[in-house]
PDB file of N, CA and C in Angstrom:
ATOM      1  N   MET A   1      -6.403  61.250  32.843  1.00  0.00           N
ATOM      2  CA  MET A   1      -6.095  59.945  33.377  1.00  0.00           C
ATOM      3  C   MET A   1      -4.713  59.536  32.868  1.00  0.00           C
ATOM      4  N   SER A   2      -3.897  59.008  33.738  1.00  0.00           N
ATOM      5  CA  SER A   2      -2.540  58.635  33.358  1.00  0.00           C
ATOM      6  C   SER A   2      -2.552  57.396  32.472  1.00  0.00           C
ATOM      7  N   LYS A   3      -1.469  57.207  31.756  1.00  0.00           N
ATOM      8  CA  LYS A   3      -1.359  56.027  30.893  1.00  0.00           C
ATOM      9  C   LYS A   3      -1.427  54.755  31.718  1.00  0.00           C
ATOM     10  N   LEU A   4      -0.884  54.804  32.922  1.00  0.00           N
ATOM     11  CA  LEU A   4      -0.917  53.629  33.787  1.00  0.00           C
ATOM     12  C   LEU A   4      -2.342  53.192  34.046  1.00  0.00           C
ATOM     13  N   ARG A   5      -3.188  54.096  34.455  1.00  0.00           N
ATOM     14  CA  ARG A   5      -4.575  53.746  34.756  1.00  0.00           C
ATOM     15  C   ARG A   5      -5.321  53.305  33.506  1.00  0.00           C
ATOM     16  N   ARG A   6      -5.060  53.973  32.385  1.00  0.00           N
ATOM     17  CA  ARG A   6      -5.735  53.595  31.142  1.00  0.00           C
ATOM     18  C   ARG A   6      -5.347  52.191  30.705  1.00  0.00           C
ATOM     19  N   GLN A   7      -4.047  51.878  30.793  1.00  0.00           N
ATOM     20  CA  GLN A   7      -3.588  50.575  30.333  1.00  0.00           C
ATOM     21  C   GLN A   7      -4.044  49.456  31.267  1.00  0.00           C
ATOM     22  N   LEU A   8      -4.063  49.713  32.563  1.00  0.00           N
ATOM     23  CA  LEU A   8      -4.499  48.687  33.496  1.00  0.00           C
ATOM     24  C   LEU A   8      -5.999  48.450  33.408  1.00  0.00           C
ATOM     25  N   SER A   9      -6.750  49.503  33.061  1.00  0.00           N
ATOM     26  CA  SER A   9      -8.199  49.345  32.952  1.00  0.00           C
ATOM     27  C   SER A   9      -8.616  48.781  31.599  1.00  0.00           C
ATOM     28  N   ALA A  10      -7.715  48.838  30.626  1.00  0.00           N
ATOM     29  CA  ALA A  10      -8.035  48.318  29.295  1.00  0.00           C
ATOM     30  C   ALA A  10      -8.045  46.791  29.334  1.00  0.00           C
ATOM     31  N   SER A  11      -8.671  46.219  28.353  1.00  0.00           N
ATOM     32  CA  SER A  11      -8.780  44.760  28.301  1.00  0.00           C
ATOM     33  C   SER A  11      -7.665  44.143  27.469  1.00  0.00           C
ATOM     34  N   ILE A  12      -6.509  44.791  27.435  1.00  0.00           N
ATOM     35  CA  ILE A  12      -5.387  44.288  26.655  1.00  0.00           C
ATOM     36  C   ILE A  12      -4.622  43.283  27.508  1.00  0.00           C
ATOM     37  N   PRO A  13      -4.413  42.080  26.992  1.00  0.00           N
ATOM     38  CA  PRO A  13      -3.702  41.059  27.786  1.00  0.00           C
ATOM     39  C   PRO A  13      -2.223  41.399  27.930  1.00  0.00           C
ATOM     40  N   ASN A  14      -1.596  40.898  28.985  1.00  0.00           N
ATOM     41  CA  ASN A  14      -0.182  41.135  29.219  1.00  0.00           C
ATOM     42  C   ASN A  14       0.712  40.160  28.477  1.00  0.00           C
ATOM     43  N   VAL A  15       0.139  39.144  27.880  1.00  0.00           N
ATOM     44  CA  VAL A  15       0.925  38.124  27.193  1.00  0.00           C
ATOM     45  C   VAL A  15       0.792  38.294  25.681  1.00  0.00           C
ATOM     46  N   VAL A  16       1.760  37.777  24.983  1.00  0.00           N
ATOM     47  CA  VAL A  16       1.771  37.871  23.523  1.00  0.00           C
ATOM     48  C   VAL A  16       0.786  36.868  22.948  1.00  0.00           C
ATOM     49  N   GLU A  17      -0.022  37.331  22.016  1.00  0.00           N
ATOM     50  CA  GLU A  17      -0.961  36.460  21.317  1.00  0.00           C
ATOM     51  C   GLU A  17      -0.601  36.447  19.841  1.00  0.00           C
ATOM     52  N   ALA A  18      -0.794  35.332  19.210  1.00  0.00           N
ATOM     53  CA  ALA A  18      -0.501  35.214  17.783  1.00  0.00           C
ATOM     54  C   ALA A  18      -1.477  36.069  16.983  1.00  0.00           C
ATOM     55  N   LYS A  19      -0.963  36.783  16.014  1.00  0.00           N
ATOM     56  CA  LYS A  19      -1.776  37.607  15.120  1.00  0.00           C
ATOM     57  C   LYS A  19      -1.636  37.082  13.710  1.00  0.00           C
ATOM     58  N   SER A  20      -2.670  37.205  12.941  1.00  0.00           N
ATOM     59  CA  SER A  20      -2.648  36.772  11.553  1.00  0.00           C
ATOM     60  C   SER A  20      -1.850  37.783  10.728  1.00  0.00           C
ATOM     61  N   LEU A  21      -0.835  37.309  10.041  1.00  0.00           N
ATOM     62  CA  LEU A  21      -0.034  38.190   9.196  1.00  0.00           C
ATOM     63  C   LEU A  21      -0.861  38.753   8.050  1.00  0.00           C
ATOM     64  N   VAL A  22      -1.834  37.995   7.606  1.00  0.00           N
ATOM     65  CA  VAL A  22      -2.708  38.467   6.532  1.00  0.00           C
ATOM     66  C   VAL A  22      -3.513  39.675   7.014  1.00  0.00           C
ATOM     67  N   ASP A  23      -3.991  39.616   8.265  1.00  0.00           N
ATOM     68  CA  ASP A  23      -4.745  40.744   8.811  1.00  0.00           C
ATOM     69  C   ASP A  23      -3.863  41.979   8.967  1.00  0.00           C
ATOM     70  N   LEU A  24      -2.616  41.787   9.411  1.00  0.00           N
ATOM     71  CA  LEU A  24      -1.700  42.912   9.563  1.00  0.00           C
ATOM     72  C   LEU A  24      -1.348  43.521   8.208  1.00  0.00           C
ATOM     73  N   LYS A  25      -1.222  42.671   7.208  1.00  0.00           N
ATOM     74  CA  LYS A  25      -0.880  43.135   5.864  1.00  0.00           C
ATOM     75  C   LYS A  25      -2.060  43.837   5.194  1.00  0.00           C
ATOM     76  N   ALA A  26      -3.267  43.462   5.550  1.00  0.00           N
ATOM     77  CA  ALA A  26      -4.455  43.980   4.870  1.00  0.00           C
ATOM     78  C   ALA A  26      -4.600  45.495   5.009  1.00  0.00           C
ATOM     79  N   THR A  27      -4.194  46.043   6.111  1.00  0.00           N
ATOM     80  CA  THR A  27      -4.378  47.473   6.341  1.00  0.00           C
ATOM     81  C   THR A  27      -3.539  48.323   5.397  1.00  0.00           C
ATOM     82  N   THR A  28      -2.264  47.973   5.232  1.00  0.00           N
ATOM     83  CA  THR A  28      -1.363  48.782   4.413  1.00  0.00           C
ATOM     84  C   THR A  28      -1.071  48.167   3.052  1.00  0.00           C
ATOM     85  N   GLY A  29      -1.287  46.868   2.910  1.00  0.00           N
ATOM     86  CA  GLY A  29      -0.937  46.187   1.672  1.00  0.00           C
ATOM     87  C   GLY A  29       0.489  45.673   1.681  1.00  0.00           C
ATOM     88  N   ASN A  30       1.228  45.968   2.740  1.00  0.00           N
ATOM     89  CA  ASN A  30       2.619  45.545   2.834  1.00  0.00           C
ATOM     90  C   ASN A  30       2.892  45.171   4.292  1.00  0.00           C
ATOM     91  N   LEU A  31       3.283  43.943   4.520  1.00  0.00           N
ATOM     92  CA  LEU A  31       3.529  43.463   5.879  1.00  0.00           C
ATOM     93  C   LEU A  31       4.640  44.250   6.558  1.00  0.00           C
ATOM     94  N   TYR A  32       5.729  44.526   5.847  1.00  0.00           N
ATOM     95  CA  TYR A  32       6.862  45.234   6.427  1.00  0.00           C
ATOM     96  C   TYR A  32       6.506  46.674   6.789  1.00  0.00           C
ATOM     97  N   GLU A  33       5.681  47.294   5.983  1.00  0.00           N
ATOM     98  CA  GLU A  33       5.226  48.651   6.297  1.00  0.00           C
ATOM     99  C   GLU A  33       4.359  48.636   7.558  1.00  0.00           C
ATOM    100  N   SER A  34       3.506  47.636   7.681  1.00  0.00           N
ATOM    101  CA  SER A  34       2.670  47.506   8.877  1.00  0.00           C
ATOM    102  C   SER A  34       3.539  47.322  10.120  1.00  0.00           C
ATOM    103  N   ILE A  35       4.559  46.482  10.018  1.00  0.00           N
ATOM    104  CA  ILE A  35       5.447  46.248  11.152  1.00  0.00           C
ATOM    105  C   ILE A  35       6.224  47.515  11.503  1.00  0.00           C
ATOM    106  N   ALA A  36       6.657  48.260  10.496  1.00  0.00           N
ATOM    107  CA  ALA A  36       7.380  49.503  10.750  1.00  0.00           C
ATOM    108  C   ALA A  36       6.492  50.516  11.473  1.00  0.00           C
ATOM    109  N   ILE A  37       5.229  50.584  11.090  1.00  0.00           N
ATOM    110  CA  ILE A  37       4.280  51.496  11.741  1.00  0.00           C
ATOM    111  C   ILE A  37       4.085  51.091  13.202  1.00  0.00           C
ATOM    112  N   MET A  38       3.938  49.798  13.439  1.00  0.00           N
ATOM    113  CA  MET A  38       3.761  49.320  14.815  1.00  0.00           C
ATOM    114  C   MET A  38       5.021  49.569  15.653  1.00  0.00           C
ATOM    115  N   CYS A  39       6.196  49.420  15.042  1.00  0.00           N
ATOM    116  CA  CYS A  39       7.451  49.669  15.767  1.00  0.00           C
ATOM    117  C   CYS A  39       7.571  51.129  16.178  1.00  0.00           C
ATOM    118  N   LYS A  40       7.245  52.021  15.266  1.00  0.00           N
ATOM    119  CA  LYS A  40       7.323  53.447  15.597  1.00  0.00           C
ATOM    120  C   LYS A  40       6.336  53.808  16.692  1.00  0.00           C
ATOM    121  N   ARG A  41       5.142  53.246  16.643  1.00  0.00           N
ATOM    122  CA  ARG A  41       4.150  53.513  17.685  1.00  0.00           C
ATOM    123  C   ARG A  41       4.597  52.922  19.020  1.00  0.00           C
ATOM    124  N   ALA A  42       5.195  51.728  18.994  1.00  0.00           N
ATOM    125  CA  ALA A  42       5.687  51.114  20.234  1.00  0.00           C
ATOM    126  C   ALA A  42       6.777  51.980  20.865  1.00  0.00           C
ATOM    127  N   ASN A  43       7.637  52.565  20.050  1.00  0.00           N
ATOM    128  CA  ASN A  43       8.661  53.477  20.574  1.00  0.00           C
ATOM    129  C   ASN A  43       8.028  54.706  21.217  1.00  0.00           C
ATOM    130  N   GLN A  44       6.995  55.262  20.592  1.00  0.00           N
ATOM    131  CA  GLN A  44       6.297  56.415  21.166  1.00  0.00           C
ATOM    132  C   GLN A  44       5.670  56.062  22.514  1.00  0.00           C
ATOM    133  N   ILE A  45       5.019  54.920  22.580  1.00  0.00           N
ATOM    134  CA  ILE A  45       4.378  54.478  23.823  1.00  0.00           C
ATOM    135  C   ILE A  45       5.429  54.259  24.897  1.00  0.00           C
ATOM    136  N   ASN A  46       6.543  53.620  24.532  1.00  0.00           N
ATOM    137  CA  ASN A  46       7.609  53.343  25.489  1.00  0.00           C
ATOM    138  C   ASN A  46       8.181  54.633  26.070  1.00  0.00           C
ATOM    139  N   ILE A  47       8.417  55.613  25.230  1.00  0.00           N
ATOM    140  CA  ILE A  47       8.955  56.897  25.690  1.00  0.00           C
ATOM    141  C   ILE A  47       7.970  57.581  26.632  1.00  0.00           C
ATOM    142  N   ALA A  48       6.693  57.574  26.282  1.00  0.00           N
ATOM    143  CA  ALA A  48       5.691  58.217  27.124  1.00  0.00           C
ATOM    144  C   ALA A  48       5.575  57.528  28.487  1.00  0.00           C
ATOM    145  N   ILE A  49       5.570  56.215  28.494  1.00  0.00           N
ATOM    146  CA  ILE A  49       5.461  55.470  29.746  1.00  0.00           C
ATOM    147  C   ILE A  49       6.709  55.685  30.605  1.00  0.00           C
ATOM    148  N   LYS A  50       7.871  55.673  29.971  1.00  0.00           N
ATOM    149  CA  LYS A  50       9.122  55.868  30.707  1.00  0.00           C
ATOM    150  C   LYS A  50       9.174  57.259  31.339  1.00  0.00           C
ATOM    151  N   GLU A  51       8.750  58.291  30.601  1.00  0.00           N
ATOM    152  CA  GLU A  51       8.723  59.649  31.152  1.00  0.00           C
ATOM    153  C   GLU A  51       7.755  59.745  32.324  1.00  0.00           C
ATOM    154  N   GLU A  52       6.596  59.126  32.181  1.00  0.00           N
ATOM    155  CA  GLU A  52       5.609  59.156  33.254  1.00  0.00           C
ATOM    156  C   GLU A  52       6.137  58.446  34.504  1.00  0.00           C
ATOM    157  N   LEU A  53       6.781  57.307  34.322  1.00  0.00           N
ATOM    158  CA  LEU A  53       7.345  56.569  35.456  1.00  0.00           C
ATOM    159  C   LEU A  53       8.433  57.378  36.144  1.00  0.00           C
ATOM    160  N   HIS A  54       9.331  57.970  35.368  1.00  0.00           N
ATOM    161  CA  HIS A  54      10.409  58.764  35.963  1.00  0.00           C
ATOM    162  C   HIS A  54       9.857  59.975  36.712  1.00  0.00           C
ATOM    163  N   ASN A  55       8.820  60.597  36.170  1.00  0.00           N
ATOM    164  CA  ASN A  55       8.208  61.738  36.861  1.00  0.00           C
ATOM    165  C   ASN A  55       7.597  61.317  38.187  1.00  0.00           C
ATOM    166  N   LYS A  56       6.943  60.177  38.212  1.00  0.00           N
ATOM    167  CA  LYS A  56       6.339  59.700  39.457  1.00  0.00           C
ATOM    168  C   LYS A  56       7.400  59.306  40.474  1.00  0.00           C
ATOM    169  N   LEU A  57       8.460  58.648  40.004  1.00  0.00           N
ATOM    170  CA  LEU A  57       9.510  58.216  40.922  1.00  0.00           C
ATOM    171  C   LEU A  57      10.382  59.380  41.391  1.00  0.00           C
ATOM    172  N   GLU A  58      10.431  60.445  40.606  1.00  0.00           N
ATOM    173  CA  GLU A  58      11.208  61.623  40.992  1.00  0.00           C
ATOM    174  C   GLU A  58      10.649  62.264  42.267  1.00  0.00           C
ATOM    175  N   GLU A  59       9.360  62.101  42.508  1.00  0.00           N
ATOM    176  CA  GLU A  59       8.756  62.636  43.721  1.00  0.00           C
ATOM    177  C   GLU A  59       9.365  62.012  44.971  1.00  0.00           C
ATOM    178  N   PHE A  60       9.838  60.771  44.857  1.00  0.00           N
ATOM    179  CA  PHE A  60      10.385  60.056  45.994  1.00  0.00           C
ATOM    180  C   PHE A  60      11.897  60.188  46.100  1.00  0.00           C
ATOM    181  N   ALA A  61      12.523  60.801  45.108  1.00  0.00           N
ATOM    182  CA  ALA A  61      13.982  60.882  45.091  1.00  0.00           C
ATOM    183  C   ALA A  61      14.476  61.818  46.184  1.00  0.00           C
ATOM    184  N   SER A  62      15.515  61.384  46.823  1.00  0.00           N
ATOM    185  CA  SER A  62      16.171  62.198  47.840  1.00  0.00           C
ATOM    186  C   SER A  62      17.614  62.366  47.412  1.00  0.00           C
ATOM    187  N   HIS A  63      18.017  63.592  47.138  1.00  0.00           N
ATOM    188  CA  HIS A  63      19.340  63.839  46.581  1.00  0.00           C
ATOM    189  C   HIS A  63      20.402  63.972  47.663  1.00  0.00           C
ATOM    190  N   THR A  64      20.015  63.953  48.928  1.00  0.00           N
ATOM    191  CA  THR A  64      20.990  64.133  50.005  1.00  0.00           C
ATOM    192  C   THR A  64      21.340  62.836  50.716  1.00  0.00           C
ATOM    193  N   ASP A  65      20.724  61.727  50.353  1.00  0.00           N
ATOM    194  CA  ASP A  65      20.982  60.451  51.021  1.00  0.00           C
ATOM    195  C   ASP A  65      22.352  59.901  50.652  1.00  0.00           C
ATOM    196  N   SER A  66      23.006  59.318  51.612  1.00  0.00           N
ATOM    197  CA  SER A  66      24.222  58.566  51.341  1.00  0.00           C
ATOM    198  C   SER A  66      23.833  57.096  51.207  1.00  0.00           C
ATOM    199  N   LEU A  67      24.772  56.250  50.911  1.00  0.00           N
ATOM    200  CA  LEU A  67      24.459  54.840  50.711  1.00  0.00           C
ATOM    201  C   LEU A  67      23.897  54.193  51.966  1.00  0.00           C
ATOM    202  N   GLU A  68      24.306  54.635  53.137  1.00  0.00           N
ATOM    203  CA  GLU A  68      23.824  54.054  54.383  1.00  0.00           C
ATOM    204  C   GLU A  68      22.389  54.472  54.710  1.00  0.00           C
ATOM    205  N   GLU A  69      21.944  55.579  54.149  1.00  0.00           N
ATOM    206  CA  GLU A  69      20.645  56.132  54.511  1.00  0.00           C
ATOM    207  C   GLU A  69      19.521  55.740  53.559  1.00  0.00           C
ATOM    208  N   ILE A  70      19.797  54.899  52.594  1.00  0.00           N
ATOM    209  CA  ILE A  70      18.767  54.503  51.635  1.00  0.00           C
ATOM    210  C   ILE A  70      17.765  53.588  52.337  1.00  0.00           C
ATOM    211  N   HIS A  71      16.497  53.881  52.178  1.00  0.00           N
ATOM    212  CA  HIS A  71      15.445  53.081  52.803  1.00  0.00           C
ATOM    213  C   HIS A  71      14.369  52.755  51.772  1.00  0.00           C
ATOM    214  N   GLU A  72      13.582  51.762  52.080  1.00  0.00           N
ATOM    215  CA  GLU A  72      12.508  51.356  51.172  1.00  0.00           C
ATOM    216  C   GLU A  72      11.329  52.309  51.303  1.00  0.00           C
ATOM    217  N   ASN A  73      10.726  52.590  50.200  1.00  0.00           N
ATOM    218  CA  ASN A  73       9.523  53.396  50.189  1.00  0.00           C
ATOM    219  C   ASN A  73       8.425  52.533  49.571  1.00  0.00           C
ATOM    220  N   LYS A  74       7.413  52.206  50.352  1.00  0.00           N
ATOM    221  CA  LYS A  74       6.343  51.295  49.900  1.00  0.00           C
ATOM    222  C   LYS A  74       5.611  51.842  48.680  1.00  0.00           C
ATOM    223  N   GLU A  75       5.346  53.143  48.645  1.00  0.00           N
ATOM    224  CA  GLU A  75       4.628  53.730  47.506  1.00  0.00           C
ATOM    225  C   GLU A  75       5.451  53.608  46.231  1.00  0.00           C
ATOM    226  N   GLN A  76       6.749  53.840  46.343  1.00  0.00           N
ATOM    227  CA  GLN A  76       7.630  53.735  45.189  1.00  0.00           C
ATOM    228  C   GLN A  76       7.653  52.302  44.668  1.00  0.00           C
ATOM    229  N   ILE A  77       7.681  51.334  45.565  1.00  0.00           N
ATOM    230  CA  ILE A  77       7.683  49.928  45.166  1.00  0.00           C
ATOM    231  C   ILE A  77       6.372  49.569  44.479  1.00  0.00           C
ATOM    232  N   GLU A  78       5.255  50.060  44.992  1.00  0.00           N
ATOM    233  CA  GLU A  78       3.950  49.772  44.384  1.00  0.00           C
ATOM    234  C   GLU A  78       3.840  50.369  42.988  1.00  0.00           C
ATOM    235  N   ILE A  79       4.348  51.582  42.806  1.00  0.00           N
ATOM    236  CA  ILE A  79       4.322  52.211  41.476  1.00  0.00           C
ATOM    237  C   ILE A  79       5.156  51.386  40.503  1.00  0.00           C
ATOM    238  N   SER A  80       6.328  50.963  40.927  1.00  0.00           N
ATOM    239  CA  SER A  80       7.197  50.168  40.063  1.00  0.00           C
ATOM    240  C   SER A  80       6.552  48.840  39.701  1.00  0.00           C
ATOM    241  N   LYS A  81       5.920  48.193  40.657  1.00  0.00           N
ATOM    242  CA  LYS A  81       5.248  46.922  40.382  1.00  0.00           C
ATOM    243  C   LYS A  81       4.085  47.107  39.413  1.00  0.00           C
ATOM    244  N   ALA A  82       3.348  48.215  39.563  1.00  0.00           N
ATOM    245  CA  ALA A  82       2.225  48.469  38.663  1.00  0.00           C
ATOM    246  C   ALA A  82       2.716  48.645  37.228  1.00  0.00           C
ATOM    247  N   TYR A  83       3.826  49.339  37.046  1.00  0.00           N
ATOM    248  CA  TYR A  83       4.369  49.526  35.708  1.00  0.00           C
ATOM    249  C   TYR A  83       4.912  48.219  35.139  1.00  0.00           C
ATOM    250  N   GLU A  84       5.426  47.353  35.997  1.00  0.00           N
ATOM    251  CA  GLU A  84       5.909  46.060  35.524  1.00  0.00           C
ATOM    252  C   GLU A  84       4.768  45.172  35.049  1.00  0.00           C
ATOM    253  N   ARG A  85       3.580  45.342  35.623  1.00  0.00           N
ATOM    254  CA  ARG A  85       2.422  44.528  35.232  1.00  0.00           C
ATOM    255  C   ARG A  85       1.781  45.021  33.936  1.00  0.00           C
ATOM    256  N   MET A  86       2.147  46.202  33.495  1.00  0.00           N
ATOM    257  CA  MET A  86       1.550  46.741  32.274  1.00  0.00           C
ATOM    258  C   MET A  86       1.979  45.932  31.055  1.00  0.00           C
ATOM    259  N   PRO A  87       1.142  45.904  30.029  1.00  0.00           N
ATOM    260  CA  PRO A  87       1.526  45.206  28.789  1.00  0.00           C
ATOM    261  C   PRO A  87       2.738  45.873  28.134  1.00  0.00           C
ATOM    262  N   ASN A  88       3.485  45.098  27.413  1.00  0.00           N
ATOM    263  CA  ASN A  88       4.638  45.576  26.677  1.00  0.00           C
ATOM    264  C   ASN A  88       4.175  46.609  25.637  1.00  0.00           C
ATOM    265  N   PRO A  89       4.960  47.679  25.388  1.00  0.00           N
ATOM    266  CA  PRO A  89       4.575  48.666  24.378  1.00  0.00           C
ATOM    267  C   PRO A  89       4.336  48.066  22.994  1.00  0.00           C
ATOM    268  N   ALA A  90       5.047  47.007  22.649  1.00  0.00           N
ATOM    269  CA  ALA A  90       4.825  46.358  21.344  1.00  0.00           C
ATOM    270  C   ALA A  90       3.444  45.719  21.290  1.00  0.00           C
ATOM    271  N   ILE A  91       2.998  45.135  22.400  1.00  0.00           N
ATOM    272  CA  ILE A  91       1.652  44.550  22.453  1.00  0.00           C
ATOM    273  C   ILE A  91       0.603  45.649  22.321  1.00  0.00           C
ATOM    274  N   LEU A  92       0.819  46.766  23.018  1.00  0.00           N
ATOM    275  CA  LEU A  92      -0.124  47.885  22.930  1.00  0.00           C
ATOM    276  C   LEU A  92      -0.184  48.449  21.515  1.00  0.00           C
ATOM    277  N   ALA A  93       0.974  48.610  20.884  1.00  0.00           N
ATOM    278  CA  ALA A  93       1.011  49.150  19.523  1.00  0.00           C
ATOM    279  C   ALA A  93       0.332  48.208  18.535  1.00  0.00           C
ATOM    280  N   THR A  94       0.546  46.921  18.685  1.00  0.00           N
ATOM    281  CA  THR A  94      -0.099  45.948  17.800  1.00  0.00           C
ATOM    282  C   THR A  94      -1.606  45.987  17.965  1.00  0.00           C
ATOM    283  N   GLN A  95      -2.067  46.083  19.201  1.00  0.00           N
ATOM    284  CA  GLN A  95      -3.508  46.150  19.454  1.00  0.00           C
ATOM    285  C   GLN A  95      -4.109  47.410  18.845  1.00  0.00           C
ATOM    286  N   GLU A  96      -3.416  48.545  18.996  1.00  0.00           N
ATOM    287  CA  GLU A  96      -3.894  49.787  18.389  1.00  0.00           C
ATOM    288  C   GLU A  96      -3.940  49.664  16.866  1.00  0.00           C
ATOM    289  N   PHE A  97      -2.940  49.030  16.278  1.00  0.00           N
ATOM    290  CA  PHE A  97      -2.902  48.879  14.825  1.00  0.00           C
ATOM    291  C   PHE A  97      -4.045  48.000  14.336  1.00  0.00           C
ATOM    292  N   VAL A  98      -4.289  46.908  15.032  1.00  0.00           N
ATOM    293  CA  VAL A  98      -5.369  45.994  14.644  1.00  0.00           C
ATOM    294  C   VAL A  98      -6.722  46.684  14.740  1.00  0.00           C
ATOM    295  N   GLU A  99      -6.879  47.565  15.737  1.00  0.00           N
ATOM    296  CA  GLU A  99      -8.143  48.280  15.937  1.00  0.00           C
ATOM    297  C   GLU A  99      -8.224  49.566  15.117  1.00  0.00           C
ATOM    298  N   ASN A 100      -7.256  49.806  14.232  1.00  0.00           N
ATOM    299  CA  ASN A 100      -7.197  51.009  13.381  1.00  0.00           C
ATOM    300  C   ASN A 100      -7.216  52.305  14.196  1.00  0.00           C
ATOM    301  N   LYS A 101      -6.480  52.337  15.293  1.00  0.00           N
ATOM    302  CA  LYS A 101      -6.396  53.527  16.128  1.00  0.00           C
ATOM    303  C   LYS A 101      -5.113  54.318  15.879  1.00  0.00           C
ATOM    304  N   ILE A 102      -4.290  53.872  14.933  1.00  0.00           N
ATOM    305  CA  ILE A 102      -3.035  54.548  14.630  1.00  0.00           C
ATOM    306  C   ILE A 102      -3.196  55.334  13.340  1.00  0.00           C
ATOM    307  N   TYR A 103      -2.883  56.623  13.404  1.00  0.00           N
ATOM    308  CA  TYR A 103      -2.877  57.461  12.210  1.00  0.00           C
ATOM    309  C   TYR A 103      -1.463  57.451  11.641  1.00  0.00           C
ATOM    310  N   TYR A 104      -1.323  57.215  10.355  1.00  0.00           N
ATOM    311  CA  TYR A 104      -0.016  57.205   9.715  1.00  0.00           C
ATOM    312  C   TYR A 104      -0.157  57.673   8.288  1.00  0.00           C
ATOM    313  N   ARG A 105       0.952  58.058   7.715  1.00  0.00           N
ATOM    314  CA  ARG A 105       0.978  58.467   6.311  1.00  0.00           C
ATOM    315  C   ARG A 105       2.319  58.090   5.713  1.00  0.00           C
ATOM    316  N   THR A 106       2.359  58.024   4.392  1.00  0.00           N
ATOM    317  CA  THR A 106       3.586  57.675   3.699  1.00  0.00           C
ATOM    318  C   THR A 106       4.294  58.942   3.255  1.00  0.00           C
ATOM    319  N   ASN A 107       5.510  58.796   2.769  1.00  0.00           N
ATOM    320  CA  ASN A 107       6.301  59.954   2.362  1.00  0.00           C
ATOM    321  C   ASN A 107       5.757  60.660   1.130  1.00  0.00           C
ATOM    322  N   ASP A 108       4.983  59.969   0.311  1.00  0.00           N
ATOM    323  CA  ASP A 108       4.461  60.603  -0.898  1.00  0.00           C
ATOM    324  C   ASP A 108       3.167  61.374  -0.610  1.00  0.00           C
ATOM    325  N   ASN A 109       2.949  61.712   0.654  1.00  0.00           N
ATOM    326  CA  ASN A 109       1.835  62.561   1.113  1.00  0.00           C
ATOM    327  C   ASN A 109       0.452  61.947   0.901  1.00  0.00           C
ATOM    328  N   ASP A 110       0.386  60.648   0.625  1.00  0.00           N
ATOM    329  CA  ASP A 110      -0.896  59.972   0.597  1.00  0.00           C
ATOM    330  C   ASP A 110      -1.283  59.693   2.042  1.00  0.00           C
ATOM    331  N   LEU A 111      -2.451  60.139   2.438  1.00  0.00           N
ATOM    332  CA  LEU A 111      -2.874  59.942   3.820  1.00  0.00           C
ATOM    333  C   LEU A 111      -3.629  58.636   3.926  1.00  0.00           C
ATOM    334  N   PHE A 112      -3.329  57.904   4.968  1.00  0.00           N
ATOM    335  CA  PHE A 112      -3.977  56.627   5.239  1.00  0.00           C
ATOM    336  C   PHE A 112      -4.546  56.657   6.633  1.00  0.00           C
ATOM    337  N   ARG A 113      -5.427  55.759   6.893  1.00  0.00           N
ATOM    338  CA  ARG A 113      -5.932  55.562   8.253  1.00  0.00           C
ATOM    339  C   ARG A 113      -6.278  54.095   8.398  1.00  0.00           C
TER     340      ARG A 113
END
């Protein structure tokens, strides 16, 4: 199942919700470390979603069209709109972190979950 379908079927809201800093800090013991983990995960999600979108849109690309020959493609527009409705990668990463779905470790080889 593609990330698009998974994210649209998930119950993650598209809007930003306030999170308790104490709850975010509780997992790692350090608020800044928690934020750094969420940032790295958000970057991973963003890269994956961007690659998936480009792969889907590449199917519609026509390399021989001139500027006069460009036309609208309804399927391409629908795919783009669906990706625009998806939650922001930072929201997804925060939700994963709160639900303890992110695996991470520190440089001193102590494993955490």
